[in-house]
Amino acid sequence: MINTPTLRTMAAMAALAMPLAAQAALAPGAIAPAITTQAALAGKSFSFSLADALKKGPVVLYFFPAAFTSGCTVEAHEFAEATDDFAKMGATVIGLTAGNIDRINEFSSVECRNKFAVGIATPATIKSYDVALAVKPGWSDRTSYVIAPDGKIVFAYSALSPAGHVSGTMKAVKSWKATH
């Protein structure tokens, strides 16, 4: 039998872990907030506009906590491997994180393998998408969205583990593409 102090400790630990597995703040059907930010592709800086990207097709927008950390590197590699498949369906992939453009330039070529853009998640963007990392305010959590060309979110997934983000967004883009 587990004693009462141990149960309290276990309950407290579970409560602390809950914010780490929070659901995406913007539900499917919501209109994605506008984004214009500095980004990099293959180490070259440019200005990214969500509105411009949506004119070309759906956008896979994923937020990640920090460049060159283990989970973010794994996720970047997985998105890099899938970028050509997304492109065949007309989808643009972009990752956003809080950070500086020099670090993002390097991450775009090294870990994103020159395949897709990464950009700066400004405090305003993090707030508008409600993706602040609970344990480190100012950073974004790991949340992936698929945004249709009409600006509506068709898929949202939040989990600190990189597992499931690429497969979930790929399935959502395929589903969207099949009906449009």
C-alpha atoms as a PDB file:
ATOM      1  CA  MET A   1       0.000   0.000   0.000  1.00  0.00           C
ATOM      2  CA  ILE A   2       1.258   3.497  -0.885  1.00  0.00           C
ATOM      3  CA  ASN A   3       1.335   5.888   2.054  1.00  0.00           C
ATOM      4  CA  THR A   4      -0.402   9.287   1.967  1.00  0.00           C
ATOM      5  CA  PRO A   5       2.789  11.448   1.718  1.00  0.00           C
ATOM      6  CA  THR A   6       3.930   9.349  -1.262  1.00  0.00           C
ATOM      7  CA  LEU A   7       0.543   9.801  -2.937  1.00  0.00           C
ATOM      8  CA  ARG A   8       0.760  13.571  -2.386  1.00  0.00           C
ATOM      9  CA  THR A   9       4.259  13.619  -3.879  1.00  0.00           C
ATOM     10  CA  MET A  10       3.102  11.621  -6.899  1.00  0.00           C
ATOM     11  CA  ALA A  11       0.098  13.919  -7.377  1.00  0.00           C
ATOM     12  CA  ALA A  12       2.309  17.016  -7.152  1.00  0.00           C
ATOM     13  CA  MET A  13       4.729  15.582  -9.719  1.00  0.00           C
ATOM     14  CA  ALA A  14       1.846  14.784 -12.074  1.00  0.00           C
ATOM     15  CA  ALA A  15       0.467  18.301 -11.701  1.00  0.00           C
ATOM     16  CA  LEU A  16       3.868  19.807 -12.548  1.00  0.00           C
ATOM     17  CA  ALA A  17       4.105  17.654 -15.666  1.00  0.00           C
ATOM     18  CA  MET A  18       0.689  18.612 -17.010  1.00  0.00           C
ATOM     19  CA  PRO A  19       1.663  21.978 -18.550  1.00  0.00           C
ATOM     20  CA  LEU A  20       4.378  20.180 -20.515  1.00  0.00           C
ATOM     21  CA  ALA A  21       1.760  18.151 -22.390  1.00  0.00           C
ATOM     22  CA  ALA A  22      -0.763  20.941 -22.900  1.00  0.00           C
ATOM     23  CA  GLN A  23      -2.975  20.944 -25.949  1.00  0.00           C
ATOM     24  CA  ALA A  24      -2.405  23.437 -28.750  1.00  0.00           C
ATOM     25  CA  ALA A  25      -4.007  26.740 -27.862  1.00  0.00           C
ATOM     26  CA  LEU A  26      -5.505  27.458 -31.280  1.00  0.00           C
ATOM     27  CA  ALA A  27      -8.025  24.811 -32.229  1.00  0.00           C
ATOM     28  CA  PRO A  28      -8.848  23.674 -35.752  1.00  0.00           C
ATOM     29  CA  GLY A  29     -11.268  26.139 -37.300  1.00  0.00           C
ATOM     30  CA  ALA A  30      -9.619  29.174 -35.706  1.00  0.00           C
ATOM     31  CA  ILE A  31      -8.103  31.839 -37.945  1.00  0.00           C
ATOM     32  CA  ALA A  32      -4.313  31.846 -37.725  1.00  0.00           C
ATOM     33  CA  PRO A  33      -2.896  35.173 -36.535  1.00  0.00           C
ATOM     34  CA  ALA A  34      -0.819  37.093 -39.078  1.00  0.00           C
ATOM     35  CA  ILE A  35       2.938  36.594 -38.958  1.00  0.00           C
ATOM     36  CA  THR A  36       5.675  38.667 -40.546  1.00  0.00           C
ATOM     37  CA  THR A  37       9.130  37.908 -39.194  1.00  0.00           C
ATOM     38  CA  GLN A  38      12.812  37.467 -39.965  1.00  0.00           C
ATOM     39  CA  ALA A  39      13.589  33.977 -41.199  1.00  0.00           C
ATOM     40  CA  ALA A  40      16.388  32.014 -42.815  1.00  0.00           C
ATOM     41  CA  LEU A  41      16.599  29.340 -45.468  1.00  0.00           C
ATOM     42  CA  ALA A  42      19.916  27.675 -46.280  1.00  0.00           C
ATOM     43  CA  GLY A  43      21.667  30.219 -44.062  1.00  0.00           C
ATOM     44  CA  LYS A  44      20.268  33.243 -45.906  1.00  0.00           C
ATOM     45  CA  SER A  45      18.000  35.730 -44.128  1.00  0.00           C
ATOM     46  CA  PHE A  46      14.715  36.919 -45.586  1.00  0.00           C
ATOM     47  CA  SER A  47      11.396  38.340 -44.432  1.00  0.00           C
ATOM     48  CA  PHE A  48       8.690  35.694 -44.007  1.00  0.00           C
ATOM     49  CA  SER A  49       5.009  36.552 -44.324  1.00  0.00           C
ATOM     50  CA  LEU A  50       2.383  33.940 -43.479  1.00  0.00           C
ATOM     51  CA  ALA A  51      -0.093  35.704 -45.794  1.00  0.00           C
ATOM     52  CA  ASP A  52       2.311  35.422 -48.739  1.00  0.00           C
ATOM     53  CA  ALA A  53       3.059  31.751 -48.003  1.00  0.00           C
ATOM     54  CA  LEU A  54      -0.669  30.927 -47.831  1.00  0.00           C
ATOM     55  CA  LYS A  55      -1.115  32.279 -51.383  1.00  0.00           C
ATOM     56  CA  LYS A  56       0.949  29.277 -52.542  1.00  0.00           C
ATOM     57  CA  GLY A  57      -0.932  26.614 -50.542  1.00  0.00           C
ATOM     58  CA  PRO A  58      -1.200  25.272 -47.010  1.00  0.00           C
ATOM     59  CA  VAL A  59       1.474  26.109 -44.449  1.00  0.00           C
ATOM     60  CA  VAL A  60       2.950  23.711 -41.922  1.00  0.00           C
ATOM     61  CA  LEU A  61       3.889  26.053 -39.090  1.00  0.00           C
ATOM     62  CA  TYR A  62       5.705  24.527 -36.174  1.00  0.00           C
ATOM     63  CA  PHE A  63       6.981  26.192 -33.024  1.00  0.00           C
ATOM     64  CA  PHE A  64       9.986  24.733 -31.217  1.00  0.00           C
ATOM     65  CA  PRO A  65      11.746  25.743 -27.981  1.00  0.00           C
ATOM     66  CA  ALA A  66      15.385  26.304 -28.997  1.00  0.00           C
ATOM     67  CA  ALA A  67      17.744  25.738 -31.911  1.00  0.00           C
ATOM     68  CA  PHE A  68      20.491  23.142 -31.450  1.00  0.00           C
ATOM     69  CA  THR A  69      18.825  21.326 -28.551  1.00  0.00           C
ATOM     70  CA  SER A  70      18.338  17.574 -28.821  1.00  0.00           C
ATOM     71  CA  GLY A  71      14.562  17.422 -29.373  1.00  0.00           C
ATOM     72  CA  CYS A  72      14.546  20.416 -31.702  1.00  0.00           C
ATOM     73  CA  THR A  73      17.362  18.925 -33.768  1.00  0.00           C
ATOM     74  CA  VAL A  74      15.508  15.600 -34.089  1.00  0.00           C
ATOM     75  CA  GLU A  75      12.360  17.439 -35.154  1.00  0.00           C
ATOM     76  CA  ALA A  76      14.252  19.585 -37.684  1.00  0.00           C
ATOM     77  CA  HIS A  77      15.816  16.479 -39.245  1.00  0.00           C
ATOM     78  CA  GLU A  78      12.379  14.827 -39.519  1.00  0.00           C
ATOM     79  CA  PHE A  79      10.837  17.909 -41.143  1.00  0.00           C
ATOM     80  CA  ALA A  80      13.846  18.164 -43.499  1.00  0.00           C
ATOM     81  CA  GLU A  81      13.317  14.563 -44.618  1.00  0.00           C
ATOM     82  CA  ALA A  82       9.605  15.239 -45.228  1.00  0.00           C
ATOM     83  CA  THR A  83       9.910  18.671 -46.889  1.00  0.00           C
ATOM     84  CA  ASP A  84       9.912  17.328 -50.461  1.00  0.00           C
ATOM     85  CA  ASP A  85       6.707  15.365 -49.763  1.00  0.00           C
ATOM     86  CA  PHE A  86       5.076  18.465 -48.289  1.00  0.00           C
ATOM     87  CA  ALA A  87       6.183  20.484 -51.338  1.00  0.00           C
ATOM     88  CA  LYS A  88       4.631  17.919 -53.727  1.00  0.00           C
ATOM     89  CA  MET A  89       1.301  18.703 -52.059  1.00  0.00           C
ATOM     90  CA  GLY A  90       1.890  22.454 -52.360  1.00  0.00           C
ATOM     91  CA  ALA A  91       2.629  22.960 -48.652  1.00  0.00           C
ATOM     92  CA  THR A  92       5.267  25.275 -47.217  1.00  0.00           C
ATOM     93  CA  VAL A  93       7.094  24.261 -44.014  1.00  0.00           C
ATOM     94  CA  ILE A  94       8.417  26.833 -41.548  1.00  0.00           C
ATOM     95  CA  GLY A  95       9.652  26.462 -37.990  1.00  0.00           C
ATOM     96  CA  LEU A  96       9.565  29.330 -35.496  1.00  0.00           C
ATOM     97  CA  THR A  97      11.514  29.786 -32.284  1.00  0.00           C
ATOM     98  CA  ALA A  98      12.502  32.590 -29.955  1.00  0.00           C
ATOM     99  CA  GLY A  99      16.111  33.434 -30.665  1.00  0.00           C
ATOM    100  CA  ASN A 100      18.441  35.563 -32.717  1.00  0.00           C
ATOM    101  CA  ILE A 101      18.720  35.551 -36.489  1.00  0.00           C
ATOM    102  CA  ASP A 102      22.412  34.520 -36.533  1.00  0.00           C
ATOM    103  CA  ARG A 103      21.635  31.328 -34.611  1.00  0.00           C
ATOM    104  CA  ILE A 104      18.637  30.658 -36.833  1.00  0.00           C
ATOM    105  CA  ASN A 105      20.697  31.198 -40.010  1.00  0.00           C
ATOM    106  CA  GLU A 106      23.082  28.487 -38.851  1.00  0.00           C
ATOM    107  CA  PHE A 107      20.265  26.139 -37.724  1.00  0.00           C
ATOM    108  CA  SER A 108      18.534  26.518 -41.115  1.00  0.00           C
ATOM    109  CA  SER A 109      21.539  25.152 -42.954  1.00  0.00           C
ATOM    110  CA  VAL A 110      22.974  22.690 -40.428  1.00  0.00           C
ATOM    111  CA  GLU A 111      19.951  21.008 -38.833  1.00  0.00           C
ATOM    112  CA  CYS A 112      17.203  21.928 -41.310  1.00  0.00           C
ATOM    113  CA  ARG A 113      19.604  20.809 -44.051  1.00  0.00           C
ATOM    114  CA  ASN A 114      18.728  23.757 -46.321  1.00  0.00           C
ATOM    115  CA  LYS A 115      15.286  22.210 -46.872  1.00  0.00           C
ATOM    116  CA  PHE A 116      12.895  24.608 -45.110  1.00  0.00           C
ATOM    117  CA  ALA A 117      12.869  27.997 -43.443  1.00  0.00           C
ATOM    118  CA  VAL A 118      13.089  28.781 -39.755  1.00  0.00           C
ATOM    119  CA  GLY A 119      12.208  32.124 -38.285  1.00  0.00           C
ATOM    120  CA  ILE A 120      11.986  34.240 -35.186  1.00  0.00           C
ATOM    121  CA  ALA A 121       8.956  33.696 -32.961  1.00  0.00           C
ATOM    122  CA  THR A 122       8.558  37.163 -31.485  1.00  0.00           C
ATOM    123  CA  PRO A 123       6.954  37.583 -28.066  1.00  0.00           C
ATOM    124  CA  ALA A 124       3.840  38.887 -29.855  1.00  0.00           C
ATOM    125  CA  THR A 125       3.674  35.804 -32.082  1.00  0.00           C
ATOM    126  CA  ILE A 126       4.175  33.453 -29.138  1.00  0.00           C
ATOM    127  CA  LYS A 127       1.364  35.246 -27.322  1.00  0.00           C
ATOM    128  CA  SER A 128      -1.015  35.359 -30.308  1.00  0.00           C
ATOM    129  CA  TYR A 129      -0.593  31.623 -30.902  1.00  0.00           C
ATOM    130  CA  ASP A 130      -0.636  31.032 -27.109  1.00  0.00           C
ATOM    131  CA  VAL A 131       2.386  28.733 -27.326  1.00  0.00           C
ATOM    132  CA  ALA A 132       4.512  30.020 -24.445  1.00  0.00           C
ATOM    133  CA  LEU A 133       6.598  27.291 -22.850  1.00  0.00           C
ATOM    134  CA  ALA A 134       5.218  26.891 -19.329  1.00  0.00           C
ATOM    135  CA  VAL A 135       8.604  26.175 -17.745  1.00  0.00           C
ATOM    136  CA  LYS A 136      10.431  28.977 -19.585  1.00  0.00           C
ATOM    137  CA  PRO A 137       8.250  31.992 -20.471  1.00  0.00           C
ATOM    138  CA  GLY A 138       9.562  33.826 -23.515  1.00  0.00           C
ATOM    139  CA  TRP A 139      10.263  30.555 -25.305  1.00  0.00           C
ATOM    140  CA  SER A 140       7.728  28.694 -27.398  1.00  0.00           C
ATOM    141  CA  ASP A 141       6.584  25.178 -26.677  1.00  0.00           C
ATOM    142  CA  ARG A 142       6.581  22.466 -29.343  1.00  0.00           C
ATOM    143  CA  THR A 143       3.330  22.991 -31.252  1.00  0.00           C
ATOM    144  CA  SER A 144       2.603  22.162 -34.877  1.00  0.00           C
ATOM    145  CA  TYR A 145      -0.162  23.593 -37.038  1.00  0.00           C
ATOM    146  CA  VAL A 146      -1.398  23.097 -40.563  1.00  0.00           C
ATOM    147  CA  ILE A 147      -2.993  26.271 -41.884  1.00  0.00           C
ATOM    148  CA  ALA A 148      -5.167  26.150 -45.001  1.00  0.00           C
ATOM    149  CA  PRO A 149      -4.814  28.853 -47.674  1.00  0.00           C
ATOM    150  CA  ASP A 150      -7.974  30.539 -46.319  1.00  0.00           C
ATOM    151  CA  GLY A 151      -6.093  31.120 -43.044  1.00  0.00           C
ATOM    152  CA  LYS A 152      -8.005  28.551 -41.018  1.00  0.00           C
ATOM    153  CA  ILE A 153      -6.156  26.095 -38.838  1.00  0.00           C
ATOM    154  CA  VAL A 154      -6.952  22.537 -39.938  1.00  0.00           C
ATOM    155  CA  PHE A 155      -4.595  20.715 -37.551  1.00  0.00           C
ATOM    156  CA  ALA A 156      -3.024  21.509 -34.193  1.00  0.00           C
ATOM    157  CA  TYR A 157      -0.783  19.355 -32.013  1.00  0.00           C
ATOM    158  CA  SER A 158       1.254  20.204 -28.896  1.00  0.00           C
ATOM    159  CA  ALA A 159       3.721  17.883 -27.187  1.00  0.00           C
ATOM    160  CA  LEU A 160       7.262  18.506 -25.983  1.00  0.00           C
ATOM    161  CA  SER A 161       8.393  15.258 -27.571  1.00  0.00           C
ATOM    162  CA  PRO A 162       9.192  15.709 -31.268  1.00  0.00           C
ATOM    163  CA  ALA A 163       7.439  12.392 -32.005  1.00  0.00           C
ATOM    164  CA  GLY A 164       4.186  12.779 -33.879  1.00  0.00           C
ATOM    165  CA  HIS A 165       4.655  16.316 -35.180  1.00  0.00           C
ATOM    166  CA  VAL A 166       5.792  15.432 -38.707  1.00  0.00           C
ATOM    167  CA  SER A 167       3.473  12.453 -39.116  1.00  0.00           C
ATOM    168  CA  GLY A 168       0.497  14.427 -37.791  1.00  0.00           C
ATOM    169  CA  THR A 169       1.080  17.418 -40.031  1.00  0.00           C
ATOM    170  CA  MET A 170       1.709  15.167 -43.050  1.00  0.00           C
ATOM    171  CA  LYS A 171      -1.573  13.327 -42.471  1.00  0.00           C
ATOM    172  CA  ALA A 172      -3.411  16.651 -42.101  1.00  0.00           C
ATOM    173  CA  VAL A 173      -1.945  18.088 -45.320  1.00  0.00           C
ATOM    174  CA  LYS A 174      -2.833  14.884 -47.209  1.00  0.00           C
ATOM    175  CA  SER A 175      -6.376  15.035 -45.840  1.00  0.00           C
ATOM    176  CA  TRP A 176      -6.737  18.712 -46.743  1.00  0.00           C
ATOM    177  CA  LYS A 177      -5.284  18.112 -50.219  1.00  0.00           C
ATOM    178  CA  ALA A 178      -7.700  15.219 -50.867  1.00  0.00           C
ATOM    179  CA  THR A 179     -10.667  17.549 -50.396  1.00  0.00           C
ATOM    180  CA  HIS A 180      -9.337  20.609 -52.253  1.00  0.00           C
END
